[in-house]
Amino acid sequence: MKLKRHEQNPILLPDLTSPWQCANVFNPSVVYHNGLFHMHYRAQGLDWVSRIGYAVSMDGVKWNRLSQPVLEPQDGTDSRGVEDPRVVEINGRFYMCYTAYGREFVGQPTHAGGGIRPMIARSDNLITWERLGPIVTGEDNKDHVLFPRLINGRYLALHRRWPHIWLAASDDLRTWREDDMQPIFGPRPGNSWDSKSVGANGVPIETPHGWLLLYHGYGEDHVYQFGVCLLDLDEPERVVKRPLAPIFWPEEMWELRGDVPNVVFSNANPVVNGIVHVYYGGGDHVIGLATCPLAELLDFVMMEGNG
């Protein structure tokens, strides 16, 4: 099982005429709504501060983008950038999970120069966004994404407490209690491709067999690759299947090289007409697309997953 790269890759490049997105465009979110593909992507320009741009497409390959970002730093908590959006529609409203990186932080800095916060924002039009707040503060926590519907009456989110993937629950998307958080799975022991770190990719895909989760990981060689697993439909903290083999890894020159080498990183896997569209950043520099039939991916997980 391996995702198939689109023949027109990469599908989005930096805009050399734009000061805020002339260096890198990468790690996009994509939702399919009202017959259109809507992309939110991370961009860096002359000041190397990450902002989030918006683009729209009829076919998911050729994009028209806004000239200005739709989300950018507003205070000291995100002054160094807003990063890695993951957008989902829940009950007719859109919610964006993104990482805020700023010079102001709680406790000790999580990174050189500042701290990070796994944030959530809300929108009714995909363009203007209201910040709701962080899932946690004061820790190295990111790769967070919301499930596309309430489960047992609550909002659920995956997040990464390095090096594991965790599950969190909330009644209102503003309050996330520690008692409502638990680990799901972590790096696989041994010399596997995901033996050092794992994190969620895009919005979990609901199937009759469970939640299909694409995730990323790396091993001792620090090469980012994608895997897939199946979570229980009603108790997503329970892993039903987790195949040993990865389904995607860097191969193209723009994935092997770039601002950060040996990286493919995805925040989006919308299913359109039975096809899983995996949008990803290559080398932290450009954006690519890889696809596979949903039925084929599910068959792979059911047959190869070791529980």
Protein backbone atom coordinates (compact mmCIF):
# COMPACT_ATOMS: atom_id res chain seq x y z
CA MET A 1 0.00 0.00 0.00
CA LYS A 2 1.39 3.36 -1.04
CA LEU A 3 -0.19 6.72 -1.74
CA LYS A 4 0.08 7.88 -5.36
CA ARG A 5 1.65 11.26 -6.03
CA HIS A 6 -0.24 13.58 -8.36
CA GLU A 7 1.39 14.05 -11.74
CA GLN A 8 1.24 17.85 -11.44
CA ASN A 9 3.14 17.98 -8.12
CA PRO A 10 4.04 20.26 -6.50
CA ILE A 11 0.62 21.92 -6.69
CA LEU A 12 1.43 25.14 -4.79
CA LEU A 13 4.69 27.10 -4.75
CA PRO A 14 5.86 30.20 -2.90
CA ASP A 15 4.71 33.47 -4.46
CA LEU A 16 7.90 35.42 -5.15
CA THR A 17 5.93 38.66 -5.50
CA SER A 18 4.42 38.40 -2.01
CA PRO A 19 6.50 39.49 1.02
CA TRP A 20 4.68 37.14 3.43
CA GLN A 21 4.73 33.94 1.29
CA CYS A 22 7.80 34.28 -0.92
CA ALA A 23 9.98 31.80 0.99
CA ASN A 24 7.84 28.75 1.82
CA VAL A 25 4.26 27.47 1.53
CA PHE A 26 3.63 24.16 3.26
CA ASN A 27 1.63 22.01 5.72
CA PRO A 28 -1.84 22.80 4.36
CA SER A 29 -5.32 22.00 5.60
CA VAL A 30 -7.99 21.29 2.96
CA VAL A 31 -11.74 20.89 3.41
CA TYR A 32 -14.24 20.08 0.66
CA HIS A 33 -17.34 22.28 1.01
CA ASN A 34 -20.12 23.26 -1.40
CA GLY A 35 -18.32 21.61 -4.33
CA LEU A 36 -15.02 23.43 -3.79
CA PHE A 37 -11.68 22.60 -2.19
CA HIS A 38 -10.72 25.17 0.46
CA MET A 39 -7.08 25.27 1.49
CA HIS A 40 -5.47 26.95 4.49
CA TYR A 41 -1.70 26.80 4.33
CA ARG A 42 1.30 27.87 6.35
CA ALA A 43 3.48 30.47 4.66
CA GLN A 44 6.76 32.22 5.41
CA GLY A 45 8.19 35.29 3.75
CA LEU A 46 10.83 37.94 4.21
CA ASP A 47 10.52 38.06 8.02
CA TRP A 48 10.33 34.24 8.38
CA VAL A 49 7.21 34.59 10.53
CA SER A 50 4.58 31.97 9.73
CA ARG A 51 1.14 33.15 8.62
CA ILE A 52 -1.87 31.24 7.33
CA GLY A 53 -3.10 31.86 3.81
CA TYR A 54 -6.26 30.78 2.00
CA ALA A 55 -6.74 29.33 -1.47
CA VAL A 56 -9.71 27.81 -3.31
CA SER A 57 -9.91 25.26 -6.12
CA MET A 58 -12.52 23.53 -8.26
CA ASP A 59 -10.42 20.41 -8.89
CA GLY A 60 -8.11 20.31 -5.87
CA VAL A 61 -5.03 20.87 -8.06
CA LYS A 62 -5.18 24.39 -9.54
CA TRP A 63 -5.57 27.05 -6.86
CA ASN A 64 -6.53 30.71 -6.58
CA ARG A 65 -5.26 32.32 -3.40
CA LEU A 66 -6.04 35.48 -1.47
CA SER A 67 -3.38 38.15 -1.57
CA GLN A 68 -3.41 38.59 2.23
CA PRO A 69 -3.26 36.02 5.05
CA VAL A 70 -6.45 35.05 6.87
CA LEU A 71 -4.67 34.45 10.19
CA GLU A 72 -1.49 36.11 11.43
CA PRO A 73 0.19 37.01 14.73
CA GLN A 74 -1.72 39.39 16.96
CA ASP A 75 0.19 39.50 20.28
CA GLY A 76 3.17 38.13 22.18
CA THR A 77 1.77 34.59 22.41
CA ASP A 78 1.96 34.10 18.63
CA SER A 79 4.45 36.79 17.59
CA ARG A 80 6.81 34.27 16.01
CA GLY A 81 4.14 32.65 13.90
CA VAL A 82 0.85 30.82 13.47
CA GLU A 83 1.51 27.36 12.06
CA ASP A 84 0.13 24.10 10.65
CA PRO A 85 -3.64 24.63 10.34
CA ARG A 86 -6.13 21.74 10.50
CA VAL A 87 -9.69 22.77 9.61
CA VAL A 88 -12.87 20.77 10.19
CA GLU A 89 -16.59 21.46 9.77
CA ILE A 90 -18.76 20.55 12.76
CA ASN A 91 -22.51 21.23 12.70
CA GLY A 92 -22.21 23.89 10.00
CA ARG A 93 -19.32 25.86 11.54
CA PHE A 94 -15.62 25.65 10.79
CA TYR A 95 -12.93 25.13 13.40
CA MET A 96 -9.20 25.53 12.89
CA CYS A 97 -6.57 23.89 15.05
CA TYR A 98 -3.24 25.69 14.69
CA THR A 99 -0.02 26.16 16.62
CA ALA A 100 0.82 29.58 18.05
CA TYR A 101 4.52 30.25 18.51
CA GLY A 102 5.42 33.36 20.50
CA ARG A 103 7.89 35.16 22.67
CA GLU A 104 5.44 35.10 25.62
CA PHE A 105 4.91 31.75 27.29
CA VAL A 106 3.81 29.97 30.46
CA GLY A 107 6.57 28.50 32.62
CA GLN A 108 9.74 27.56 30.77
CA PRO A 109 10.12 28.16 27.01
CA THR A 110 9.31 25.06 24.97
CA HIS A 111 11.54 26.12 22.07
CA ALA A 112 14.53 28.38 21.53
CA GLY A 113 13.17 31.91 21.59
CA GLY A 114 9.74 31.21 23.01
CA GLY A 115 6.85 28.85 23.59
CA ILE A 116 4.07 27.14 21.68
CA ARG A 117 0.32 26.77 22.23
CA PRO A 118 -2.08 24.36 20.48
CA MET A 119 -4.86 26.83 19.60
CA ILE A 120 -8.43 26.56 18.28
CA ALA A 121 -10.24 29.21 16.20
CA ARG A 122 -13.77 29.38 14.78
CA SER A 123 -15.26 30.71 11.53
CA ASP A 124 -18.52 30.81 9.60
CA ASN A 125 -16.96 31.67 6.23
CA LEU A 126 -13.42 30.15 6.24
CA ILE A 127 -11.92 33.65 5.93
CA THR A 128 -12.46 35.49 9.22
CA TRP A 129 -11.45 33.61 12.36
CA GLU A 130 -12.27 34.05 16.06
CA ARG A 131 -9.68 32.69 18.47
CA LEU A 132 -11.21 30.44 21.15
CA GLY A 133 -8.07 29.56 23.09
CA PRO A 134 -5.52 26.78 23.67
CA ILE A 135 -6.02 23.12 24.57
CA VAL A 136 -3.05 23.31 26.97
CA THR A 137 -0.36 25.83 27.86
CA GLY A 138 3.21 25.59 29.06
CA GLU A 139 4.23 22.38 27.28
CA ASP A 140 5.54 21.12 23.95
CA ASN A 141 2.15 20.19 22.50
CA LYS A 142 0.98 20.43 18.89
CA ASP A 143 -0.29 18.25 15.99
CA HIS A 144 -3.82 18.72 17.36
CA VAL A 145 -6.95 18.07 15.29
CA LEU A 146 -10.68 17.86 16.07
CA PHE A 147 -12.93 14.93 15.22
CA PRO A 148 -15.60 15.95 12.66
CA ARG A 149 -18.54 15.38 15.03
CA LEU A 150 -19.36 15.16 18.71
CA ILE A 151 -18.79 11.73 20.27
CA ASN A 152 -20.83 10.83 23.35
CA GLY A 153 -21.97 14.45 23.39
CA ARG A 154 -18.50 15.98 23.58
CA TYR A 155 -15.90 17.53 21.30
CA LEU A 156 -12.84 15.32 20.94
CA ALA A 157 -9.37 16.30 19.81
CA LEU A 158 -6.14 14.47 19.17
CA HIS A 159 -2.98 16.23 20.30
CA ARG A 160 0.69 15.39 20.68
CA ARG A 161 2.46 15.20 23.98
CA TRP A 162 5.81 14.19 22.64
CA PRO A 163 6.35 11.52 21.60
CA HIS A 164 2.79 10.14 21.94
CA ILE A 165 -0.65 10.92 20.46
CA TRP A 166 -3.21 11.83 23.12
CA LEU A 167 -7.01 12.22 23.17
CA ALA A 168 -8.76 15.16 24.86
CA ALA A 169 -12.44 15.95 25.45
CA SER A 170 -14.28 19.23 25.95
CA ASP A 171 -17.86 20.44 26.33
CA ASP A 172 -17.31 23.86 24.74
CA LEU A 173 -13.89 23.87 22.95
CA ARG A 174 -12.63 26.41 25.49
CA THR A 175 -12.17 24.28 28.61
CA TRP A 176 -9.94 21.20 28.36
CA ARG A 177 -9.48 19.45 31.70
CA GLU A 178 -6.46 17.28 32.39
CA ASP A 179 -8.78 14.59 33.76
CA ASP A 180 -10.32 14.34 30.28
CA MET A 181 -7.02 13.57 28.54
CA GLN A 182 -5.38 10.21 27.95
CA PRO A 183 -2.65 8.75 25.70
CA ILE A 184 -3.68 6.62 22.70
CA PHE A 185 -0.45 5.34 21.19
CA GLY A 186 3.18 6.23 20.81
CA PRO A 187 6.33 5.28 18.93
CA ARG A 188 6.68 1.62 18.04
CA PRO A 189 9.51 -0.20 19.83
CA GLY A 190 12.49 -1.38 17.81
CA ASN A 191 14.03 -0.06 14.64
CA SER A 192 10.79 0.88 12.89
CA TRP A 193 10.03 3.94 10.76
CA ASP A 194 8.00 5.46 13.67
CA SER A 195 10.21 4.42 16.57
CA LYS A 196 10.98 7.96 17.85
CA SER A 197 7.86 10.14 17.49
CA VAL A 198 4.29 10.11 16.16
CA GLY A 199 1.62 12.77 15.58
CA ALA A 200 -1.79 13.06 13.94
CA ASN A 201 -2.17 14.20 10.33
CA GLY A 202 -5.59 15.40 9.14
CA VAL A 203 -9.15 15.07 10.41
CA PRO A 204 -10.01 11.45 11.29
CA ILE A 205 -12.12 9.76 8.60
CA GLU A 206 -15.31 8.09 9.82
CA THR A 207 -15.96 4.61 8.40
CA PRO A 208 -18.31 1.78 9.46
CA HIS A 209 -15.27 -0.01 10.92
CA GLY A 210 -13.94 2.91 12.96
CA TRP A 211 -12.05 6.19 12.65
CA LEU A 212 -9.34 6.00 10.01
CA LEU A 213 -6.41 8.11 11.20
CA LEU A 214 -3.46 9.03 9.03
CA TYR A 215 -0.46 9.95 11.14
CA HIS A 216 3.19 10.89 10.72
CA GLY A 217 6.25 9.59 12.49
CA TYR A 218 9.99 9.22 12.29
CA GLY A 219 12.66 6.86 13.54
CA GLU A 220 16.37 7.09 14.26
CA ASP A 221 17.04 8.52 10.78
CA HIS A 222 14.58 11.40 11.40
CA VAL A 223 12.87 10.85 8.01
CA TYR A 224 9.20 11.79 8.21
CA GLN A 225 6.78 9.17 6.88
CA PHE A 226 3.03 8.52 7.00
CA GLY A 227 1.21 5.61 8.56
CA VAL A 228 -2.44 4.77 9.12
CA CYS A 229 -4.42 3.19 11.93
CA LEU A 230 -8.02 2.51 12.90
CA LEU A 231 -9.57 3.82 16.12
CA ASP A 232 -12.76 2.53 17.71
CA LEU A 233 -15.84 4.46 16.57
CA ASP A 234 -17.33 5.03 20.03
CA GLU A 235 -14.13 4.82 22.09
CA PRO A 236 -11.45 6.39 19.88
CA GLU A 237 -8.87 6.04 22.63
CA ARG A 238 -8.79 2.36 21.66
CA VAL A 239 -6.59 1.41 18.69
CA VAL A 240 -8.26 -1.36 16.67
CA LYS A 241 -5.68 -1.80 13.89
CA ARG A 242 -2.22 -0.34 13.26
CA PRO A 243 -0.27 -1.75 10.30
CA LEU A 244 3.49 -1.98 10.63
CA ALA A 245 4.33 -0.58 7.18
CA PRO A 246 4.25 3.12 6.25
CA ILE A 247 2.13 4.31 3.32
CA PHE A 248 4.17 7.36 2.20
CA TRP A 249 7.71 8.73 2.52
CA PRO A 250 10.00 11.32 0.90
CA GLU A 251 11.18 10.42 -2.61
CA GLU A 252 11.06 13.54 -4.80
CA MET A 253 13.94 16.01 -4.74
CA TRP A 254 11.68 18.72 -3.30
CA GLU A 255 10.81 16.35 -0.43
CA LEU A 256 14.36 15.16 0.19
CA ARG A 257 15.72 18.71 0.02
CA GLY A 258 14.14 21.99 1.03
CA ASP A 259 14.04 24.32 4.00
CA VAL A 260 13.95 21.16 6.16
CA PRO A 261 15.13 17.98 4.37
CA ASN A 262 13.53 14.52 4.37
CA VAL A 263 10.08 15.79 5.33
CA VAL A 264 6.58 15.03 4.11
CA PHE A 265 4.03 16.49 6.53
CA SER A 266 0.26 16.40 6.13
CA ASN A 267 -2.59 18.19 7.88
CA ALA A 268 -5.33 17.19 5.43
CA ASN A 269 -6.93 14.04 4.05
CA PRO A 270 -10.44 14.93 2.80
CA VAL A 271 -12.40 12.18 1.03
CA VAL A 272 -14.01 13.32 -2.24
CA ASN A 273 -15.90 10.87 -4.46
CA GLY A 274 -14.37 7.93 -2.63
CA ILE A 275 -10.78 9.16 -3.02
CA VAL A 276 -8.61 10.19 -0.08
CA HIS A 277 -6.78 13.41 -0.97
CA VAL A 278 -3.63 13.71 1.14
CA TYR A 279 -2.22 17.23 0.89
CA TYR A 280 1.24 17.65 2.35
CA GLY A 281 4.22 19.92 2.72
CA GLY A 282 7.41 18.76 1.03
CA GLY A 283 10.71 19.80 2.60
CA ASP A 284 8.85 22.58 4.47
CA HIS A 285 8.95 24.48 1.18
CA VAL A 286 6.15 23.54 -1.27
CA ILE A 287 2.82 21.67 -1.27
CA GLY A 288 2.08 18.32 -2.88
CA LEU A 289 -0.88 15.98 -3.29
CA ALA A 290 -1.07 12.20 -3.02
CA THR A 291 -4.21 10.07 -3.31
CA CYS A 292 -5.66 6.59 -2.88
CA PRO A 293 -9.15 5.03 -2.91
CA LEU A 294 -10.70 5.03 0.54
CA ALA A 295 -11.77 1.41 0.11
CA GLU A 296 -8.20 0.37 -0.71
CA LEU A 297 -6.79 2.16 2.33
CA LEU A 298 -9.40 0.64 4.61
CA ASP A 299 -8.74 -2.84 3.22
CA PHE A 300 -5.03 -2.38 3.90
CA VAL A 301 -5.66 -1.42 7.51
CA MET A 302 -8.08 -4.28 8.11
CA MET A 303 -5.78 -6.88 6.53
CA GLU A 304 -2.37 -5.64 7.69
CA GLY A 305 -3.21 -4.08 11.03
CA ASN A 306 -1.87 -5.93 14.04
CA GLY A 307 -4.17 -4.36 16.59
